[in-house]
Amino acid sequence: RYFRKGGRRIMNYDNEVRELWKREGKDLLHQREGLHLSRTRLAKMMRISYSVIKRLEEGLHIKRRNVVVKSYKNALSLYYALIILVLKKTKFEHKELLI
């Protein structure tokens, strides 16, 4: 299940797992884009690198994938909740703008 590349030991994943990663990555990408959230901002929220987000969304191998996916989904949920709070606050404070 492992092979060597440049002195590093790399796990060899089958095509079924890679296809699952690609589908999951596309789903996450669409969710993020639906919130108009950039990779850069999400990476800052999660305190991980931009390249980890990019690799996750492209369906490539990343270390601690399950942890990163959970953090990604939590960050999107938090961002969505913040948007709702801002919209509610704006709605209640500026009712004249809604007319």
C-alpha atoms as a PDB file:
ATOM      1  CA  ARG A   1       0.000   0.000   0.000  1.00  0.00           C
ATOM      2  CA  TYR A   2       2.997   2.313   0.205  1.00  0.00           C
ATOM      3  CA  PHE A   3       5.567   3.441  -2.322  1.00  0.00           C
ATOM      4  CA  ARG A   4       8.620   5.671  -2.121  1.00  0.00           C
ATOM      5  CA  LYS A   5       8.921   9.013  -3.877  1.00  0.00           C
ATOM      6  CA  GLY A   6      11.939  11.221  -3.287  1.00  0.00           C
ATOM      7  CA  GLY A   7      12.764   9.422  -0.057  1.00  0.00           C
ATOM      8  CA  ARG A   8       9.257   9.887   1.324  1.00  0.00           C
ATOM      9  CA  ARG A   9       6.872   7.044   2.026  1.00  0.00           C
ATOM     10  CA  ILE A  10       3.564   7.718   0.254  1.00  0.00           C
ATOM     11  CA  MET A  11       0.371   5.719   0.593  1.00  0.00           C
ATOM     12  CA  ASN A  12      -1.043   4.340  -2.642  1.00  0.00           C
ATOM     13  CA  TYR A  13      -4.811   4.912  -2.808  1.00  0.00           C
ATOM     14  CA  ASP A  14      -7.052   3.130  -5.275  1.00  0.00           C
ATOM     15  CA  ASN A  15      -9.166   4.900  -7.900  1.00  0.00           C
ATOM     16  CA  GLU A  16     -12.381   4.470  -5.911  1.00  0.00           C
ATOM     17  CA  VAL A  17     -10.969   6.462  -2.986  1.00  0.00           C
ATOM     18  CA  ARG A  18      -9.606   9.145  -5.313  1.00  0.00           C
ATOM     19  CA  GLU A  19     -13.001   9.516  -7.033  1.00  0.00           C
ATOM     20  CA  LEU A  20     -14.664   9.874  -3.641  1.00  0.00           C
ATOM     21  CA  TRP A  21     -12.163  12.625  -2.744  1.00  0.00           C
ATOM     22  CA  LYS A  22     -12.868  14.436  -6.026  1.00  0.00           C
ATOM     23  CA  ARG A  23     -16.637  14.378  -5.465  1.00  0.00           C
ATOM     24  CA  GLU A  24     -16.240  15.515  -1.880  1.00  0.00           C
ATOM     25  CA  GLY A  25     -13.874  18.289  -2.990  1.00  0.00           C
ATOM     26  CA  LYS A  26     -16.317  19.534  -5.632  1.00  0.00           C
ATOM     27  CA  ASP A  27     -19.138  19.581  -3.081  1.00  0.00           C
ATOM     28  CA  LEU A  28     -17.039  21.580  -0.632  1.00  0.00           C
ATOM     29  CA  LEU A  29     -15.946  23.970  -3.387  1.00  0.00           C
ATOM     30  CA  HIS A  30     -19.568  24.644  -4.405  1.00  0.00           C
ATOM     31  CA  GLN A  31     -20.580  25.247  -0.795  1.00  0.00           C
ATOM     32  CA  ARG A  32     -17.718  27.718  -0.312  1.00  0.00           C
ATOM     33  CA  GLU A  33     -18.414  29.526  -3.572  1.00  0.00           C
ATOM     34  CA  GLY A  34     -22.115  29.691  -2.676  1.00  0.00           C
ATOM     35  CA  LEU A  35     -21.146  31.774   0.343  1.00  0.00           C
ATOM     36  CA  HIS A  36     -18.865  33.989  -1.791  1.00  0.00           C
ATOM     37  CA  LEU A  37     -15.982  33.021   0.485  1.00  0.00           C
ATOM     38  CA  SER A  38     -12.455  33.027  -0.920  1.00  0.00           C
ATOM     39  CA  ARG A  39      -9.949  30.269  -0.287  1.00  0.00           C
ATOM     40  CA  THR A  40      -7.647  32.827   1.269  1.00  0.00           C
ATOM     41  CA  ARG A  41     -10.231  34.004   3.788  1.00  0.00           C
ATOM     42  CA  LEU A  42     -11.275  30.426   4.593  1.00  0.00           C
ATOM     43  CA  ALA A  43      -7.644  29.423   5.098  1.00  0.00           C
ATOM     44  CA  LYS A  44      -7.197  32.324   7.518  1.00  0.00           C
ATOM     45  CA  MET A  45     -10.366  31.351   9.395  1.00  0.00           C
ATOM     46  CA  MET A  46      -9.168  27.749   9.679  1.00  0.00           C
ATOM     47  CA  ARG A  47      -5.527  28.748  10.298  1.00  0.00           C
ATOM     48  CA  ILE A  48      -4.225  26.408   7.630  1.00  0.00           C
ATOM     49  CA  SER A  49      -2.481  27.093   4.348  1.00  0.00           C
ATOM     50  CA  TYR A  50      -4.207  28.078   1.115  1.00  0.00           C
ATOM     51  CA  SER A  51      -2.632  25.066  -0.604  1.00  0.00           C
ATOM     52  CA  VAL A  52      -4.313  22.605   1.786  1.00  0.00           C
ATOM     53  CA  ILE A  53      -7.721  24.082   0.896  1.00  0.00           C
ATOM     54  CA  LYS A  54      -6.865  23.949  -2.798  1.00  0.00           C
ATOM     55  CA  ARG A  55      -5.700  20.325  -2.617  1.00  0.00           C
ATOM     56  CA  LEU A  56      -8.806  19.343  -0.639  1.00  0.00           C
ATOM     57  CA  GLU A  57     -11.144  20.945  -3.180  1.00  0.00           C
ATOM     58  CA  GLU A  58      -9.248  19.339  -6.069  1.00  0.00           C
ATOM     59  CA  GLY A  59      -9.608  15.895  -4.503  1.00  0.00           C
ATOM     60  CA  LEU A  60      -5.904  15.384  -3.883  1.00  0.00           C
ATOM     61  CA  HIS A  61      -4.256  13.667  -0.929  1.00  0.00           C
ATOM     62  CA  ILE A  62      -3.797  15.745   2.218  1.00  0.00           C
ATOM     63  CA  LYS A  63      -2.652  14.743   5.680  1.00  0.00           C
ATOM     64  CA  ARG A  64      -5.346  14.366   8.350  1.00  0.00           C
ATOM     65  CA  ARG A  65      -8.070  14.649   5.726  1.00  0.00           C
ATOM     66  CA  ASN A  66     -10.976  13.844   8.059  1.00  0.00           C
ATOM     67  CA  VAL A  67      -9.939  16.552  10.525  1.00  0.00           C
ATOM     68  CA  VAL A  68      -9.523  19.127   7.743  1.00  0.00           C
ATOM     69  CA  VAL A  69     -12.904  18.268   6.198  1.00  0.00           C
ATOM     70  CA  LYS A  70     -14.668  18.656   9.561  1.00  0.00           C
ATOM     71  CA  SER A  71     -12.896  21.969  10.192  1.00  0.00           C
ATOM     72  CA  TYR A  72     -13.781  23.132   6.665  1.00  0.00           C
ATOM     73  CA  LYS A  73     -17.478  22.359   7.190  1.00  0.00           C
ATOM     74  CA  ASN A  74     -17.464  24.000  10.626  1.00  0.00           C
ATOM     75  CA  ALA A  75     -15.831  27.129   9.200  1.00  0.00           C
ATOM     76  CA  LEU A  76     -18.485  27.335   6.452  1.00  0.00           C
ATOM     77  CA  SER A  77     -21.259  26.930   9.034  1.00  0.00           C
ATOM     78  CA  LEU A  78     -19.754  29.649  11.210  1.00  0.00           C
ATOM     79  CA  TYR A  79     -19.359  31.990   8.233  1.00  0.00           C
ATOM     80  CA  TYR A  80     -22.984  31.358   7.214  1.00  0.00           C
ATOM     81  CA  ALA A  81     -24.186  32.072  10.767  1.00  0.00           C
ATOM     82  CA  LEU A  82     -22.216  35.331  10.806  1.00  0.00           C
ATOM     83  CA  ILE A  83     -23.799  36.396   7.517  1.00  0.00           C
ATOM     84  CA  ILE A  84     -27.274  35.708   8.938  1.00  0.00           C
ATOM     85  CA  LEU A  85     -26.490  37.699  12.086  1.00  0.00           C
ATOM     86  CA  VAL A  86     -25.200  40.661  10.082  1.00  0.00           C
ATOM     87  CA  LEU A  87     -28.259  40.602   7.818  1.00  0.00           C
ATOM     88  CA  LYS A  88     -30.634  40.461  10.783  1.00  0.00           C
ATOM     89  CA  LYS A  89     -28.810  43.289  12.532  1.00  0.00           C
ATOM     90  CA  THR A  90     -28.852  45.378   9.368  1.00  0.00           C
ATOM     91  CA  LYS A  91     -32.542  44.649   8.838  1.00  0.00           C
ATOM     92  CA  PHE A  92     -33.519  45.719  12.342  1.00  0.00           C
ATOM     93  CA  GLU A  93     -31.299  48.799  12.488  1.00  0.00           C
ATOM     94  CA  HIS A  94     -32.049  50.081   8.993  1.00  0.00           C
ATOM     95  CA  LYS A  95     -35.706  49.339   8.311  1.00  0.00           C
ATOM     96  CA  GLU A  96     -35.962  52.407   6.101  1.00  0.00           C
ATOM     97  CA  LEU A  97     -33.477  50.805   3.664  1.00  0.00           C
ATOM     98  CA  LEU A  98     -35.815  47.859   3.082  1.00  0.00           C
ATOM     99  CA  ILE A  99     -38.717  49.956   1.791  1.00  0.00           C
END
